[in-house]
């Protein structure tokens, strides 16, 4: 699991051997959040990104400190072809958890089943609804 709770952890994640499509999606989401808030907040004040790898639902929920899978309250779930992305807003100030999981064998089947059951949008990894181009991976 990669647990991104601040800008330094985000930079470390980008330096790790992540799928290039997932890196682009992470960059897009970071840029959208920081742009939407006018740069007034630190990344960790807005979101916790969790990248599930070969992790159990219990481990993911422990990292989130929230029953994100056993009691799903997703704002939305998207399937991007190779990865699922889900967003759960936890507080009135908008802080949320963005969970990413590869759609492949080796990922917890319960996690994948819950994400599949809650997909609200099917989108390729591209600029969502034409909002902005995907960033290039450093």
C-alpha atoms as a PDB file:
ATOM      1  CA  UNK A   1       0.000   0.000   0.000  1.00  0.00           C
ATOM      2  CA  UNK A   2       1.088   3.511  -0.686  1.00  0.00           C
ATOM      3  CA  UNK A   3      -0.426   5.965   1.769  1.00  0.00           C
ATOM      4  CA  UNK A   4      -0.091   9.580   0.646  1.00  0.00           C
ATOM      5  CA  UNK A   5      -0.880  12.072   3.376  1.00  0.00           C
ATOM      6  CA  UNK A   6       1.192  15.092   2.330  1.00  0.00           C
ATOM      7  CA  UNK A   7       3.214  16.611  -0.509  1.00  0.00           C
ATOM      8  CA  UNK A   8       6.415  14.785   0.482  1.00  0.00           C
ATOM      9  CA  UNK A   9       4.655  11.406   0.402  1.00  0.00           C
ATOM     10  CA  UNK A  10       3.137  12.372  -2.952  1.00  0.00           C
ATOM     11  CA  UNK A  11       6.609  13.081  -4.357  1.00  0.00           C
ATOM     12  CA  UNK A  12       7.888   9.736  -3.036  1.00  0.00           C
ATOM     13  CA  UNK A  13       4.960   7.953  -4.686  1.00  0.00           C
ATOM     14  CA  UNK A  14       5.768   9.567  -8.023  1.00  0.00           C
ATOM     15  CA  UNK A  15       9.355   8.358  -7.656  1.00  0.00           C
ATOM     16  CA  UNK A  16       8.176   4.789  -7.065  1.00  0.00           C
ATOM     17  CA  UNK A  17       7.587   2.279  -9.873  1.00  0.00           C
ATOM     18  CA  UNK A  18       3.866   3.016 -10.267  1.00  0.00           C
ATOM     19  CA  UNK A  19       1.967   2.406 -13.473  1.00  0.00           C
ATOM     20  CA  UNK A  20       2.421   5.521 -15.671  1.00  0.00           C
ATOM     21  CA  UNK A  21      -1.354   5.843 -16.150  1.00  0.00           C
ATOM     22  CA  UNK A  22      -1.864   5.851 -12.394  1.00  0.00           C
ATOM     23  CA  UNK A  23       0.868   8.476 -11.978  1.00  0.00           C
ATOM     24  CA  UNK A  24      -0.870  10.699 -14.517  1.00  0.00           C
ATOM     25  CA  UNK A  25      -4.186  10.247 -12.744  1.00  0.00           C
ATOM     26  CA  UNK A  26      -2.630  11.109  -9.377  1.00  0.00           C
ATOM     27  CA  UNK A  27      -1.045  14.228 -10.859  1.00  0.00           C
ATOM     28  CA  UNK A  28      -4.365  15.246 -12.390  1.00  0.00           C
ATOM     29  CA  UNK A  29      -6.230  14.834  -9.102  1.00  0.00           C
ATOM     30  CA  UNK A  30      -3.564  16.701  -7.138  1.00  0.00           C
ATOM     31  CA  UNK A  31      -3.566  19.553  -9.639  1.00  0.00           C
ATOM     32  CA  UNK A  32      -7.378  19.717  -9.649  1.00  0.00           C
ATOM     33  CA  UNK A  33      -7.542  19.877  -5.858  1.00  0.00           C
ATOM     34  CA  UNK A  34      -4.855  22.512  -5.514  1.00  0.00           C
ATOM     35  CA  UNK A  35      -6.288  24.603  -8.357  1.00  0.00           C
ATOM     36  CA  UNK A  36      -9.866  24.335  -7.074  1.00  0.00           C
ATOM     37  CA  UNK A  37      -8.790  25.635  -3.667  1.00  0.00           C
ATOM     38  CA  UNK A  38      -6.641  28.426  -5.067  1.00  0.00           C
ATOM     39  CA  UNK A  39      -3.501  26.981  -3.529  1.00  0.00           C
ATOM     40  CA  UNK A  40      -4.665  28.021  -0.064  1.00  0.00           C
ATOM     41  CA  UNK A  41      -4.322  24.532   1.401  1.00  0.00           C
ATOM     42  CA  UNK A  42      -1.637  21.888   1.650  1.00  0.00           C
ATOM     43  CA  UNK A  43      -2.369  18.622  -0.120  1.00  0.00           C
ATOM     44  CA  UNK A  44      -2.649  16.763   3.198  1.00  0.00           C
ATOM     45  CA  UNK A  45      -5.358  19.176   4.352  1.00  0.00           C
ATOM     46  CA  UNK A  46      -7.499  18.193   1.380  1.00  0.00           C
ATOM     47  CA  UNK A  47      -7.040  14.507   0.714  1.00  0.00           C
ATOM     48  CA  UNK A  48      -5.449  11.234   1.663  1.00  0.00           C
ATOM     49  CA  UNK A  49      -4.548   9.168  -1.390  1.00  0.00           C
ATOM     50  CA  UNK A  50      -4.399   5.422  -0.776  1.00  0.00           C
ATOM     51  CA  UNK A  51      -3.033   3.141  -3.465  1.00  0.00           C
ATOM     52  CA  UNK A  52      -4.063  -0.411  -2.659  1.00  0.00           C
ATOM     53  CA  UNK A  53      -1.677  -3.018  -3.921  1.00  0.00           C
ATOM     54  CA  UNK A  54      -1.774  -6.507  -2.402  1.00  0.00           C
ATOM     55  CA  UNK A  55      -3.407  -5.241   0.768  1.00  0.00           C
ATOM     56  CA  UNK A  56      -6.325  -6.616   2.731  1.00  0.00           C
ATOM     57  CA  UNK A  57      -9.490  -4.622   3.255  1.00  0.00           C
ATOM     58  CA  UNK A  58      -8.591  -4.479   6.964  1.00  0.00           C
ATOM     59  CA  UNK A  59      -5.192  -2.930   6.185  1.00  0.00           C
ATOM     60  CA  UNK A  60      -6.741  -0.366   3.833  1.00  0.00           C
ATOM     61  CA  UNK A  61      -9.364   0.596   6.390  1.00  0.00           C
ATOM     62  CA  UNK A  62      -6.709   0.867   9.111  1.00  0.00           C
ATOM     63  CA  UNK A  63      -4.702   3.259   6.924  1.00  0.00           C
ATOM     64  CA  UNK A  64      -7.839   5.277   6.176  1.00  0.00           C
ATOM     65  CA  UNK A  65      -8.999   5.141   9.792  1.00  0.00           C
ATOM     66  CA  UNK A  66     -12.449   4.674   8.296  1.00  0.00           C
ATOM     67  CA  UNK A  67     -14.513   1.639   7.175  1.00  0.00           C
ATOM     68  CA  UNK A  68     -14.134   2.717   3.564  1.00  0.00           C
ATOM     69  CA  UNK A  69     -14.949  -0.734   2.149  1.00  0.00           C
ATOM     70  CA  UNK A  70     -17.027  -2.484   4.822  1.00  0.00           C
ATOM     71  CA  UNK A  71     -19.337   0.545   5.141  1.00  0.00           C
ATOM     72  CA  UNK A  72     -18.929   2.274   1.771  1.00  0.00           C
ATOM     73  CA  UNK A  73     -20.060   5.874   1.532  1.00  0.00           C
ATOM     74  CA  UNK A  74     -18.471   6.712  -1.800  1.00  0.00           C
ATOM     75  CA  UNK A  75     -19.176  10.027  -3.471  1.00  0.00           C
ATOM     76  CA  UNK A  76     -18.337   8.215  -6.679  1.00  0.00           C
ATOM     77  CA  UNK A  77     -16.312   5.338  -8.081  1.00  0.00           C
ATOM     78  CA  UNK A  78     -14.751   5.398 -11.545  1.00  0.00           C
ATOM     79  CA  UNK A  79     -13.215   2.588 -13.537  1.00  0.00           C
ATOM     80  CA  UNK A  80     -10.335   3.862 -15.638  1.00  0.00           C
ATOM     81  CA  UNK A  81      -9.664   0.659 -17.557  1.00  0.00           C
ATOM     82  CA  UNK A  82      -6.704  -0.480 -15.481  1.00  0.00           C
ATOM     83  CA  UNK A  83      -7.588   1.069 -12.116  1.00  0.00           C
ATOM     84  CA  UNK A  84     -10.543   1.895  -9.931  1.00  0.00           C
ATOM     85  CA  UNK A  85     -10.722   5.269  -8.246  1.00  0.00           C
ATOM     86  CA  UNK A  86     -13.118   5.992  -5.404  1.00  0.00           C
ATOM     87  CA  UNK A  87     -13.681   9.152  -3.426  1.00  0.00           C
ATOM     88  CA  UNK A  88     -15.154   9.322   0.055  1.00  0.00           C
ATOM     89  CA  UNK A  89     -15.674  12.719   1.713  1.00  0.00           C
ATOM     90  CA  UNK A  90     -15.175  12.444   5.463  1.00  0.00           C
ATOM     91  CA  UNK A  91     -15.901  15.919   6.810  1.00  0.00           C
ATOM     92  CA  UNK A  92     -17.878  19.068   6.170  1.00  0.00           C
ATOM     93  CA  UNK A  93     -14.693  20.897   5.211  1.00  0.00           C
ATOM     94  CA  UNK A  94     -14.379  18.559   2.228  1.00  0.00           C
ATOM     95  CA  UNK A  95     -11.474  16.396   3.383  1.00  0.00           C
ATOM     96  CA  UNK A  96     -11.634  13.063   1.681  1.00  0.00           C
ATOM     97  CA  UNK A  97      -9.978   9.797   0.835  1.00  0.00           C
ATOM     98  CA  UNK A  98      -9.178   8.906  -2.747  1.00  0.00           C
ATOM     99  CA  UNK A  99      -8.618   5.169  -3.031  1.00  0.00           C
ATOM    100  CA  UNK A 100      -6.963   3.668  -6.098  1.00  0.00           C
ATOM    101  CA  UNK A 101      -6.833  -0.060  -6.824  1.00  0.00           C
ATOM    102  CA  UNK A 102      -5.560  -1.890  -9.881  1.00  0.00           C
ATOM    103  CA  UNK A 103      -8.151  -4.025 -11.637  1.00  0.00           C
ATOM    104  CA  UNK A 104      -6.074  -7.202 -11.680  1.00  0.00           C
ATOM    105  CA  UNK A 105      -5.419 -10.486  -9.951  1.00  0.00           C
ATOM    106  CA  UNK A 106      -3.594 -10.153  -6.668  1.00  0.00           C
ATOM    107  CA  UNK A 107      -5.715  -7.252  -5.461  1.00  0.00           C
ATOM    108  CA  UNK A 108      -8.094  -8.183  -2.640  1.00  0.00           C
ATOM    109  CA  UNK A 109     -11.176  -9.688  -4.335  1.00  0.00           C
ATOM    110  CA  UNK A 110     -13.517  -8.173  -1.740  1.00  0.00           C
ATOM    111  CA  UNK A 111     -12.104  -4.725  -2.456  1.00  0.00           C
ATOM    112  CA  UNK A 112     -12.527  -5.184  -6.200  1.00  0.00           C
ATOM    113  CA  UNK A 113     -16.065  -6.545  -5.805  1.00  0.00           C
ATOM    114  CA  UNK A 114     -17.132  -3.537  -3.715  1.00  0.00           C
ATOM    115  CA  UNK A 115     -15.573  -1.090  -6.163  1.00  0.00           C
ATOM    116  CA  UNK A 116     -17.170  -2.846  -9.166  1.00  0.00           C
ATOM    117  CA  UNK A 117     -20.560  -2.775  -7.468  1.00  0.00           C
ATOM    118  CA  UNK A 118     -20.312   0.970  -6.847  1.00  0.00           C
ATOM    119  CA  UNK A 119     -18.959   2.209 -10.180  1.00  0.00           C
ATOM    120  CA  UNK A 120     -20.798   5.401 -11.042  1.00  0.00           C
ATOM    121  CA  UNK A 121     -18.723   6.422 -14.031  1.00  0.00           C
ATOM    122  CA  UNK A 122     -16.612   4.559 -16.549  1.00  0.00           C
ATOM    123  CA  UNK A 123     -13.838   6.752 -17.869  1.00  0.00           C
ATOM    124  CA  UNK A 124     -10.509   6.098 -19.507  1.00  0.00           C
ATOM    125  CA  UNK A 125      -7.544   7.731 -17.854  1.00  0.00           C
ATOM    126  CA  UNK A 126      -7.777  11.042 -19.650  1.00  0.00           C
ATOM    127  CA  UNK A 127      -8.796  14.550 -18.848  1.00  0.00           C
ATOM    128  CA  UNK A 128     -12.153  14.042 -17.206  1.00  0.00           C
ATOM    129  CA  UNK A 129     -14.939  15.693 -19.178  1.00  0.00           C
ATOM    130  CA  UNK A 130     -12.346  17.790 -20.997  1.00  0.00           C
ATOM    131  CA  UNK A 131     -11.420  19.772 -17.892  1.00  0.00           C
ATOM    132  CA  UNK A 132      -7.679  19.793 -18.406  1.00  0.00           C
ATOM    133  CA  UNK A 133      -5.031  17.707 -20.136  1.00  0.00           C
ATOM    134  CA  UNK A 134      -3.307  14.966 -18.225  1.00  0.00           C
ATOM    135  CA  UNK A 135       0.034  16.031 -16.832  1.00  0.00           C
ATOM    136  CA  UNK A 136       3.158  14.346 -18.110  1.00  0.00           C
ATOM    137  CA  UNK A 137       4.874  11.922 -15.792  1.00  0.00           C
ATOM    138  CA  UNK A 138       8.190  13.265 -14.510  1.00  0.00           C
END
